[in-house]
Amino acid sequence: MEVLTITFHVISFLLALLAALLLIFVNKERKHSNRLLAVVLIILACQNLMLALLFSRLILKAPIFIRVLAPTTFLLGPVAYLYIRSTLRDELVFKKTDWLLLVPSILVVINFMPYYLLSVQEKVSYLEIHFYNSRQPQDAGRGIIPTSIYYLIRVLWSGIFLYAGFRLINQFRKNSNAS
């Protein structure tokens, strides 16, 4: 079963990466929107690659990568929202305030700084205990914020942008029907 899971994540990684590369290098229309969608796909590709490394235990060979993608989980929602907004409103550039959407990702880097500063051996030991020990639940900890709070904030943050994206689509649909 684990081989199927790993295979699924590797194939998902390759498909998302392929689609992102097509958006960046082949499709020359709507460049701003295409780049935003490509970023979403690259984040998803990297997260699938990380899961493949985790399930295969190859992450133990390079444990420095385990928290590297943590900030991207707070970028996925905002970038997807920016993609929807840029597509529906024919935007060609970012708004001046869009950079504020990076703040939570920067805070995640600060949160996981205690983990980033561990030695390689401490990271391997941490992975063995918290990810590969069947007696303990998997843990994304070793940050400043407790794991449960971190996940709650991540879900709420993504939910805000999911709602905002659907709201934009609904407004666009209403405006299209009115004209």
C-alpha atoms as a PDB file:
ATOM      1  CA  MET A   1       0.000   0.000   0.000  1.00  0.00           C
ATOM      2  CA  GLU A   2       2.846   2.361   0.818  1.00  0.00           C
ATOM      3  CA  VAL A   3       4.319   1.828  -2.666  1.00  0.00           C
ATOM      4  CA  LEU A   4       1.016   2.966  -4.186  1.00  0.00           C
ATOM      5  CA  THR A   5       0.959   6.044  -1.968  1.00  0.00           C
ATOM      6  CA  ILE A   6       4.521   6.956  -2.915  1.00  0.00           C
ATOM      7  CA  THR A   7       3.818   6.315  -6.608  1.00  0.00           C
ATOM      8  CA  PHE A   8       0.692   8.490  -6.438  1.00  0.00           C
ATOM      9  CA  HIS A   9       2.641  11.399  -4.914  1.00  0.00           C
ATOM     10  CA  VAL A  10       5.488  11.096  -7.422  1.00  0.00           C
ATOM     11  CA  ILE A  11       3.046  11.060 -10.358  1.00  0.00           C
ATOM     12  CA  SER A  12       1.127  13.995  -8.854  1.00  0.00           C
ATOM     13  CA  PHE A  13       4.411  15.878  -8.481  1.00  0.00           C
ATOM     14  CA  LEU A  14       5.349  15.259 -12.121  1.00  0.00           C
ATOM     15  CA  LEU A  15       1.896  16.157 -13.492  1.00  0.00           C
ATOM     16  CA  ALA A  16       1.686  19.402 -11.508  1.00  0.00           C
ATOM     17  CA  LEU A  17       5.223  20.328 -12.519  1.00  0.00           C
ATOM     18  CA  LEU A  18       4.478  19.577 -16.177  1.00  0.00           C
ATOM     19  CA  ALA A  19       1.330  21.724 -16.124  1.00  0.00           C
ATOM     20  CA  ALA A  20       3.211  24.572 -14.424  1.00  0.00           C
ATOM     21  CA  LEU A  21       5.996  24.458 -16.991  1.00  0.00           C
ATOM     22  CA  LEU A  22       3.448  24.575 -19.818  1.00  0.00           C
ATOM     23  CA  LEU A  23       1.831  27.643 -18.273  1.00  0.00           C
ATOM     24  CA  ILE A  24       5.170  29.395 -17.860  1.00  0.00           C
ATOM     25  CA  PHE A  25       6.915  28.540 -21.125  1.00  0.00           C
ATOM     26  CA  VAL A  26       4.243  27.631 -23.692  1.00  0.00           C
ATOM     27  CA  ASN A  27       1.065  29.592 -23.049  1.00  0.00           C
ATOM     28  CA  LYS A  28       1.916  33.222 -23.795  1.00  0.00           C
ATOM     29  CA  GLU A  29      -1.580  34.661 -23.192  1.00  0.00           C
ATOM     30  CA  ARG A  30      -2.567  36.096 -19.820  1.00  0.00           C
ATOM     31  CA  LYS A  31       0.992  35.859 -18.509  1.00  0.00           C
ATOM     32  CA  HIS A  32       0.214  37.283 -15.059  1.00  0.00           C
ATOM     33  CA  SER A  33      -2.635  34.839 -14.438  1.00  0.00           C
ATOM     34  CA  ASN A  34      -0.658  31.936 -15.894  1.00  0.00           C
ATOM     35  CA  ARG A  35       2.285  32.626 -13.619  1.00  0.00           C
ATOM     36  CA  LEU A  36       0.023  32.716 -10.571  1.00  0.00           C
ATOM     37  CA  LEU A  37      -1.569  29.404 -11.512  1.00  0.00           C
ATOM     38  CA  ALA A  38       1.910  28.002 -12.183  1.00  0.00           C
ATOM     39  CA  VAL A  39       2.967  29.012  -8.660  1.00  0.00           C
ATOM     40  CA  VAL A  40      -0.064  27.175  -7.238  1.00  0.00           C
ATOM     41  CA  LEU A  41       0.863  24.081  -9.246  1.00  0.00           C
ATOM     42  CA  ILE A  42       4.534  24.281  -8.235  1.00  0.00           C
ATOM     43  CA  ILE A  43       3.564  24.516  -4.554  1.00  0.00           C
ATOM     44  CA  LEU A  44       1.308  21.474  -4.963  1.00  0.00           C
ATOM     45  CA  ALA A  45       4.055  19.644  -6.865  1.00  0.00           C
ATOM     46  CA  CYS A  46       6.622  20.335  -4.155  1.00  0.00           C
ATOM     47  CA  GLN A  47       4.218  19.266  -1.418  1.00  0.00           C
ATOM     48  CA  ASN A  48       3.580  15.988  -3.248  1.00  0.00           C
ATOM     49  CA  LEU A  49       7.320  15.458  -3.631  1.00  0.00           C
ATOM     50  CA  MET A  50       7.765  16.079   0.088  1.00  0.00           C
ATOM     51  CA  LEU A  51       5.057  13.512   0.880  1.00  0.00           C
ATOM     52  CA  ALA A  52       6.761  10.978  -1.394  1.00  0.00           C
ATOM     53  CA  LEU A  53      10.052  11.595   0.426  1.00  0.00           C
ATOM     54  CA  LEU A  54       8.321  11.273   3.775  1.00  0.00           C
ATOM     55  CA  PHE A  55       6.427   8.059   2.979  1.00  0.00           C
ATOM     56  CA  SER A  56       9.502   6.474   1.377  1.00  0.00           C
ATOM     57  CA  ARG A  57      11.678   7.540   4.324  1.00  0.00           C
ATOM     58  CA  LEU A  58      14.108   9.139   1.894  1.00  0.00           C
ATOM     59  CA  ILE A  59      13.598  12.332   3.884  1.00  0.00           C
ATOM     60  CA  LEU A  60      15.884  10.757   6.509  1.00  0.00           C
ATOM     61  CA  LYS A  61      18.749  11.149   4.008  1.00  0.00           C
ATOM     62  CA  ALA A  62      18.076  14.910   3.767  1.00  0.00           C
ATOM     63  CA  PRO A  63      16.091  15.949   6.849  1.00  0.00           C
ATOM     64  CA  ILE A  64      16.760  19.624   6.244  1.00  0.00           C
ATOM     65  CA  PHE A  65      13.891  19.591   3.737  1.00  0.00           C
ATOM     66  CA  ILE A  66      11.133  18.555   6.148  1.00  0.00           C
ATOM     67  CA  ARG A  67      10.021  22.073   7.166  1.00  0.00           C
ATOM     68  CA  VAL A  68      11.253  23.948   4.098  1.00  0.00           C
ATOM     69  CA  LEU A  69       7.804  23.866   2.483  1.00  0.00           C
ATOM     70  CA  ALA A  70       5.887  24.854   5.627  1.00  0.00           C
ATOM     71  CA  PRO A  71       5.648  28.531   4.553  1.00  0.00           C
ATOM     72  CA  THR A  72       4.165  27.515   1.204  1.00  0.00           C
ATOM     73  CA  THR A  73       1.096  26.095   2.933  1.00  0.00           C
ATOM     74  CA  PHE A  74       0.259  29.693   3.850  1.00  0.00           C
ATOM     75  CA  LEU A  75       0.895  30.866   0.268  1.00  0.00           C
ATOM     76  CA  LEU A  76      -1.389  28.402  -1.492  1.00  0.00           C
ATOM     77  CA  GLY A  77      -4.681  30.106  -0.575  1.00  0.00           C
ATOM     78  CA  PRO A  78      -3.562  33.672  -1.302  1.00  0.00           C
ATOM     79  CA  VAL A  79      -1.920  32.775  -4.626  1.00  0.00           C
ATOM     80  CA  ALA A  80      -5.001  30.816  -5.725  1.00  0.00           C
ATOM     81  CA  TYR A  81      -7.137  33.837  -4.778  1.00  0.00           C
ATOM     82  CA  LEU A  82      -4.824  36.179  -6.698  1.00  0.00           C
ATOM     83  CA  TYR A  83      -5.103  33.871  -9.705  1.00  0.00           C
ATOM     84  CA  ILE A  84      -8.903  33.978  -9.580  1.00  0.00           C
ATOM     85  CA  ARG A  85      -8.900  37.759  -9.111  1.00  0.00           C
ATOM     86  CA  SER A  86      -6.421  38.376 -11.925  1.00  0.00           C
ATOM     87  CA  THR A  87      -8.353  36.118 -14.295  1.00  0.00           C
ATOM     88  CA  LEU A  88     -11.786  37.578 -13.573  1.00  0.00           C
ATOM     89  CA  ARG A  89     -10.646  41.208 -13.501  1.00  0.00           C
ATOM     90  CA  ASP A  90      -8.067  40.950 -16.305  1.00  0.00           C
ATOM     91  CA  GLU A  91      -5.309  42.171 -13.984  1.00  0.00           C
ATOM     92  CA  LEU A  92      -1.839  42.326 -15.442  1.00  0.00           C
ATOM     93  CA  VAL A  93       0.122  43.217 -12.292  1.00  0.00           C
ATOM     94  CA  PHE A  94      -0.089  42.858  -8.527  1.00  0.00           C
ATOM     95  CA  LYS A  95      -1.814  45.463  -6.376  1.00  0.00           C
ATOM     96  CA  LYS A  96       0.388  47.431  -4.012  1.00  0.00           C
ATOM     97  CA  THR A  97      -1.083  45.692  -0.950  1.00  0.00           C
ATOM     98  CA  ASP A  98      -0.749  42.119  -2.268  1.00  0.00           C
ATOM     99  CA  TRP A  99       2.670  41.767  -0.653  1.00  0.00           C
ATOM    100  CA  LEU A 100       0.911  41.706   2.744  1.00  0.00           C
ATOM    101  CA  LEU A 101      -0.255  38.192   1.869  1.00  0.00           C
ATOM    102  CA  LEU A 102       3.359  37.062   2.421  1.00  0.00           C
ATOM    103  CA  VAL A 103       3.306  37.995   6.123  1.00  0.00           C
ATOM    104  CA  PRO A 104       1.863  34.669   7.399  1.00  0.00           C
ATOM    105  CA  SER A 105       4.500  32.723   5.442  1.00  0.00           C
ATOM    106  CA  ILE A 106       7.237  34.841   6.997  1.00  0.00           C
ATOM    107  CA  LEU A 107       5.710  34.180  10.428  1.00  0.00           C
ATOM    108  CA  VAL A 108       5.794  30.436   9.676  1.00  0.00           C
ATOM    109  CA  VAL A 109       9.527  30.671   8.997  1.00  0.00           C
ATOM    110  CA  ILE A 110       9.941  32.402  12.360  1.00  0.00           C
ATOM    111  CA  ASN A 111       7.717  29.781  14.024  1.00  0.00           C
ATOM    112  CA  PHE A 112       9.804  26.872  12.738  1.00  0.00           C
ATOM    113  CA  MET A 113      13.167  28.530  13.366  1.00  0.00           C
ATOM    114  CA  PRO A 114      13.793  26.239  16.386  1.00  0.00           C
ATOM    115  CA  TYR A 115      13.450  23.239  14.029  1.00  0.00           C
ATOM    116  CA  TYR A 116      15.517  24.804  11.252  1.00  0.00           C
ATOM    117  CA  LEU A 117      18.353  25.354  13.744  1.00  0.00           C
ATOM    118  CA  LEU A 118      18.502  21.701  14.878  1.00  0.00           C
ATOM    119  CA  SER A 119      21.473  19.630  13.777  1.00  0.00           C
ATOM    120  CA  VAL A 120      20.966  17.016  11.050  1.00  0.00           C
ATOM    121  CA  GLN A 121      21.128  14.219  13.624  1.00  0.00           C
ATOM    122  CA  GLU A 122      18.529  15.933  15.832  1.00  0.00           C
ATOM    123  CA  LYS A 123      16.226  16.280  12.806  1.00  0.00           C
ATOM    124  CA  VAL A 124      16.616  12.588  11.934  1.00  0.00           C
ATOM    125  CA  SER A 125      15.903  11.658  15.550  1.00  0.00           C
ATOM    126  CA  TYR A 126      12.875  13.956  15.579  1.00  0.00           C
ATOM    127  CA  LEU A 127      11.523  12.360  12.389  1.00  0.00           C
ATOM    128  CA  GLU A 128      12.057   8.854  13.746  1.00  0.00           C
ATOM    129  CA  ILE A 129      10.177   9.643  16.947  1.00  0.00           C
ATOM    130  CA  HIS A 130       7.390  11.898  15.651  1.00  0.00           C
ATOM    131  CA  PHE A 131       6.721  10.546  12.150  1.00  0.00           C
ATOM    132  CA  TYR A 132       7.823   6.928  12.040  1.00  0.00           C
ATOM    133  CA  ASN A 133       6.932   5.802  15.557  1.00  0.00           C
ATOM    134  CA  SER A 134       3.538   4.093  15.269  1.00  0.00           C
ATOM    135  CA  ARG A 135       2.803   4.732  18.946  1.00  0.00           C
ATOM    136  CA  GLN A 136       2.830   8.513  18.577  1.00  0.00           C
ATOM    137  CA  PRO A 137       0.628  10.615  16.286  1.00  0.00           C
ATOM    138  CA  GLN A 138       2.413  12.434  13.497  1.00  0.00           C
ATOM    139  CA  ASP A 139       3.540  15.839  14.622  1.00  0.00           C
ATOM    140  CA  ALA A 140       4.407  18.988  12.712  1.00  0.00           C
ATOM    141  CA  GLY A 141       5.789  20.528  15.858  1.00  0.00           C
ATOM    142  CA  ARG A 142       9.109  21.900  17.027  1.00  0.00           C
ATOM    143  CA  GLY A 143       7.821  25.349  16.318  1.00  0.00           C
ATOM    144  CA  ILE A 144       7.041  28.157  18.730  1.00  0.00           C
ATOM    145  CA  ILE A 145       3.267  27.750  18.231  1.00  0.00           C
ATOM    146  CA  PRO A 146       1.718  24.451  19.418  1.00  0.00           C
ATOM    147  CA  THR A 147       0.905  22.016  16.592  1.00  0.00           C
ATOM    148  CA  SER A 148      -2.877  22.138  17.060  1.00  0.00           C
ATOM    149  CA  ILE A 149      -2.895  25.959  16.912  1.00  0.00           C
ATOM    150  CA  TYR A 150      -0.617  25.932  13.853  1.00  0.00           C
ATOM    151  CA  TYR A 151      -2.986  23.587  11.981  1.00  0.00           C
ATOM    152  CA  LEU A 152      -6.054  25.566  13.064  1.00  0.00           C
ATOM    153  CA  ILE A 153      -4.536  28.822  11.799  1.00  0.00           C
ATOM    154  CA  ARG A 154      -3.526  27.114   8.534  1.00  0.00           C
ATOM    155  CA  VAL A 155      -7.035  25.785   7.937  1.00  0.00           C
ATOM    156  CA  LEU A 156      -8.679  29.126   8.815  1.00  0.00           C
ATOM    157  CA  TRP A 157      -6.241  31.042   6.581  1.00  0.00           C
ATOM    158  CA  SER A 158      -6.922  28.742   3.636  1.00  0.00           C
ATOM    159  CA  GLY A 159     -10.666  28.869   4.348  1.00  0.00           C
ATOM    160  CA  ILE A 160     -10.650  32.667   4.160  1.00  0.00           C
ATOM    161  CA  PHE A 161      -9.197  32.550   0.658  1.00  0.00           C
ATOM    162  CA  LEU A 162     -11.458  29.715  -0.416  1.00  0.00           C
ATOM    163  CA  TYR A 163     -14.453  31.827   0.630  1.00  0.00           C
ATOM    164  CA  ALA A 164     -12.994  34.948  -0.994  1.00  0.00           C
ATOM    165  CA  GLY A 165     -12.356  33.071  -4.251  1.00  0.00           C
ATOM    166  CA  PHE A 166     -15.908  31.720  -4.413  1.00  0.00           C
ATOM    167  CA  ARG A 167     -17.229  35.182  -3.559  1.00  0.00           C
ATOM    168  CA  LEU A 168     -15.273  36.713  -6.464  1.00  0.00           C
ATOM    169  CA  ILE A 169     -16.571  34.055  -8.849  1.00  0.00           C
ATOM    170  CA  ASN A 170     -20.143  34.617  -7.641  1.00  0.00           C
ATOM    171  CA  GLN A 171     -19.827  38.409  -8.050  1.00  0.00           C
ATOM    172  CA  PHE A 172     -18.407  37.932 -11.529  1.00  0.00           C
ATOM    173  CA  ARG A 173     -21.266  35.605 -12.448  1.00  0.00           C
ATOM    174  CA  LYS A 174     -23.866  38.085 -11.137  1.00  0.00           C
ATOM    175  CA  ASN A 175     -22.254  40.960 -13.040  1.00  0.00           C
ATOM    176  CA  SER A 176     -22.100  38.863 -16.232  1.00  0.00           C
ATOM    177  CA  ASN A 177     -25.785  37.935 -15.958  1.00  0.00           C
ATOM    178  CA  ALA A 178     -26.767  41.570 -15.323  1.00  0.00           C
ATOM    179  CA  SER A 179     -25.116  42.791 -18.535  1.00  0.00           C
END
